[in-house]
Protein backbone atom coordinates (compact mmCIF):
# COMPACT_ATOMS: atom_id res chain seq x y z
CA SER A 1 -4.83 3.56 9.95
CA ASP A 2 -4.33 7.21 10.79
CA LYS A 3 -4.55 8.85 7.73
CA ALA A 4 -7.51 6.93 5.83
CA ASP A 5 -10.12 4.18 6.35
CA MET A 6 -9.74 1.46 4.11
CA ASP A 7 -11.38 -1.96 3.29
CA VAL A 8 -9.45 -5.18 4.03
CA GLU A 9 -9.87 -8.05 2.19
CA ALA A 10 -9.49 -11.48 3.44
CA PHE A 11 -6.97 -13.29 1.34
CA GLU A 12 -8.01 -16.84 2.54
CA ASP A 13 -11.22 -18.58 1.96
CA GLY A 14 -12.83 -19.60 5.34
CA PHE A 15 -15.30 -18.98 8.28
CA LEU A 16 -15.03 -15.81 10.32
CA ALA A 17 -14.57 -18.02 13.75
CA SER A 18 -13.22 -14.95 15.89
CA ILE A 19 -13.21 -11.33 16.24
CA LEU A 20 -10.11 -10.15 18.04
CA VAL A 21 -10.46 -6.31 17.84
CA ASP A 22 -13.69 -4.83 18.45
CA GLU A 23 -14.93 -1.96 15.88
CA GLY A 24 -13.23 1.25 16.81
CA GLY A 25 -10.23 -0.66 18.04
CA THR A 26 -6.79 -0.62 17.35
CA ALA A 27 -4.49 -3.10 16.85
CA ALA A 28 -0.51 -2.96 15.77
CA VAL A 29 0.41 -3.28 12.08
CA GLY A 30 1.23 -7.31 11.40
CA SER A 31 -0.91 -8.30 14.30
CA ALA A 32 -4.17 -10.51 14.27
CA VAL A 33 -7.87 -8.75 14.34
CA ALA A 34 -9.51 -11.67 13.76
CA LEU A 35 -9.26 -15.49 13.26
CA LEU A 36 -10.43 -17.57 10.64
CA ALA A 37 -11.53 -21.21 10.56
CA ALA A 38 -11.29 -23.65 7.32
CA THR A 39 -14.22 -25.27 8.10
CA LYS A 40 -17.86 -24.54 9.48
CA ASP A 41 -17.04 -27.55 12.06
CA GLU A 42 -13.43 -25.58 13.17
CA ILE A 43 -15.33 -22.61 14.19
CA ALA A 44 -15.30 -23.36 17.89
CA ALA A 45 -11.96 -24.63 18.03
CA VAL A 46 -10.45 -21.94 16.24
CA ALA A 47 -12.29 -19.45 18.47
CA ALA A 48 -11.35 -21.08 21.83
CA ALA A 49 -7.94 -21.46 20.81
CA GLY A 50 -8.05 -17.74 19.88
CA SER A 51 -9.68 -16.80 23.21
CA SER A 52 -6.89 -18.60 25.03
CA SER A 53 -4.43 -16.64 23.54
CA ALA A 54 -6.07 -13.39 23.54
CA GLY A 55 -3.71 -12.05 26.13
CA ALA A 56 -0.62 -12.77 24.59
CA ALA A 57 1.90 -10.05 22.96
CA PRO A 58 0.85 -8.56 20.01
CA ALA A 59 2.97 -9.76 16.78
CA ALA A 60 5.31 -7.65 16.05
CA PRO A 61 5.12 -4.72 13.24
CA ALA A 62 5.90 -5.86 9.55
CA ALA A 63 7.32 -2.46 9.18
CA ASP A 64 8.04 0.58 10.07
CA ALA A 65 4.76 3.02 8.98
CA ALA A 66 7.57 5.19 7.51
CA PRO A 67 10.99 5.97 7.71
CA ALA A 68 12.04 9.57 9.07
CA ALA A 69 14.66 9.52 6.28
CA PRO A 70 16.41 8.10 3.42
CA SER A 71 19.09 5.77 4.51
CA GLY A 72 22.41 7.63 4.92
CA GLY A 73 20.32 11.48 4.63
CA SER A 74 19.64 14.00 6.98
CA VAL A 75 15.89 14.87 4.89
CA ASP A 76 13.08 14.42 6.65
CA ALA A 77 11.49 12.29 4.07
CA PRO A 78 8.75 9.85 4.46
CA ALA A 79 9.05 6.67 2.57
CA VAL A 80 6.66 5.13 0.25
CA LEU A 81 7.03 1.16 1.43
CA MET A 82 6.39 -2.38 -0.51
CA PRO A 83 3.05 -2.89 1.33
CA ALA A 84 2.23 -6.48 2.19
CA LEU A 85 -0.59 -7.24 0.07
CA SER A 86 -1.57 -10.66 0.87
CA SER A 87 -0.38 -12.98 4.18
CA THR A 88 1.86 -14.84 2.42
CA MET A 89 3.64 -12.18 0.26
CA LYS A 90 7.28 -11.40 0.69
CA GLU A 91 8.08 -9.18 -2.06
CA GLY A 92 6.00 -7.30 -4.54
CA LYS A 93 6.95 -6.26 -8.33
CA ILE A 94 6.12 -2.63 -9.45
CA VAL A 95 3.99 -3.14 -12.44
CA GLN A 96 3.19 0.61 -13.14
CA TRP A 97 3.81 3.99 -10.93
CA ALA A 98 0.84 6.13 -11.43
CA VAL A 99 2.38 9.12 -10.74
CA LYS A 100 6.04 10.13 -11.78
CA GLU A 101 8.55 12.18 -9.99
CA GLY A 102 7.46 15.80 -8.91
CA ASP A 103 3.84 15.28 -8.85
CA LYS A 104 1.86 16.17 -6.19
CA VAL A 105 0.06 12.90 -3.82
CA SER A 106 -2.45 13.23 -1.58
CA ALA A 107 -3.30 10.35 1.37
CA GLY A 108 -5.65 8.16 -0.97
CA ASP A 109 -4.24 8.34 -4.16
CA VAL A 110 -2.99 5.76 -6.39
CA VAL A 111 0.74 5.81 -6.93
CA MET A 112 1.45 2.79 -8.13
CA VAL A 113 0.41 -0.92 -9.15
CA VAL A 114 1.71 -3.61 -7.21
CA GLU A 115 1.93 -7.28 -8.62
CA SER A 116 1.53 -9.41 -5.58
CA ASP A 117 1.96 -13.39 -5.31
CA LYS A 118 -1.88 -13.64 -5.40
CA ALA A 119 -2.77 -10.21 -8.17
CA ASP A 120 -2.52 -6.97 -9.06
CA MET A 121 -3.66 -4.34 -6.89
CA ASP A 122 -3.50 -0.80 -6.69
CA VAL A 123 -1.78 0.99 -3.89
CA GLU A 124 -2.65 4.34 -2.33
CA ALA A 125 -0.56 7.01 -0.87
CA PHE A 126 -1.00 7.21 2.73
CA GLU A 127 0.52 10.91 2.85
CA ASP A 128 0.13 13.94 1.15
CA GLY A 129 3.32 15.50 -0.48
CA TYR A 130 5.45 15.27 -3.63
CA LEU A 131 6.99 12.03 -5.42
CA ALA A 132 10.45 13.45 -5.07
CA ALA A 133 12.90 10.02 -5.72
CA ILE A 134 11.46 6.27 -7.02
CA VAL A 135 13.92 4.12 -5.28
CA THR A 136 12.36 0.85 -7.24
CA GLN A 137 11.30 1.57 -10.96
CA GLU A 138 8.72 -0.10 -12.94
CA GLY A 139 9.40 -4.27 -13.07
CA GLY A 140 11.64 -3.98 -9.86
CA VAL A 141 11.15 -5.86 -7.12
CA GLN A 142 11.31 -5.03 -3.76
CA GLN A 143 10.97 -6.96 -0.19
CA VAL A 144 7.73 -5.98 1.84
CA GLY A 145 8.37 -3.08 3.90
CA SER A 146 10.98 -1.83 1.99
CA PRO A 147 11.20 2.01 0.71
CA VAL A 148 10.13 2.04 -2.81
CA ALA A 149 10.32 5.64 -3.25
CA TYR A 150 9.94 8.87 -0.84
CA LEU A 151 8.14 12.41 -0.53
CA SER A 152 8.85 15.56 0.12
CA GLU A 153 6.88 17.79 1.95
CA THR A 154 7.33 20.69 -0.26
CA LEU A 155 7.99 20.98 -4.07
CA GLU A 156 11.29 22.83 -2.92
CA GLY A 157 12.24 19.91 -1.20
CA ILE A 158 12.61 17.48 -3.76
CA PRO A 159 16.47 17.81 -4.87
CA ALA A 160 17.16 17.47 -1.18
CA VAL A 161 15.18 14.35 -0.71
CA LYS A 162 16.27 12.72 -4.11
CA ALA A 163 19.84 13.55 -3.79
CA ALA A 164 19.60 12.06 -0.17
CA ALA A 165 17.52 8.78 -1.62
CA ALA A 166 20.61 8.40 -3.93
CA ALA A 167 22.88 8.38 -1.19
């Protein structure tokens, strides 16, 4: 990403049939970067199908990386979004917040644990800032790509972000 290098796990079993984005290349959020075949016998067919659609338009992004401000607010406040932790995940449940409102977070810090349709996973911050407002509490469920919290760039900005998130 633009903030950190992260390992990406396969969410399904299979055989790597085709790499669509070369090492060092970029891809739109939500687009395929490789194709998996279910069996060894299907590798050639999957790879051929992938190369014939290589010129097709990329998939639309699943969600904006970080909305500029909470809905209804005019505060510059990056959102912490519910991530897609598997290819089938539509919503996630916040099992635990690893930080509390007012805490300083840095890119790469674990901020919450999310229960997906597959497993519980740590979710890291993608930006530096202060956790200003949690809008989805522990035990709450949110759609993938929806804000679950907002960050403030400064400690002094927390009250304004919190008020805008509540509006």
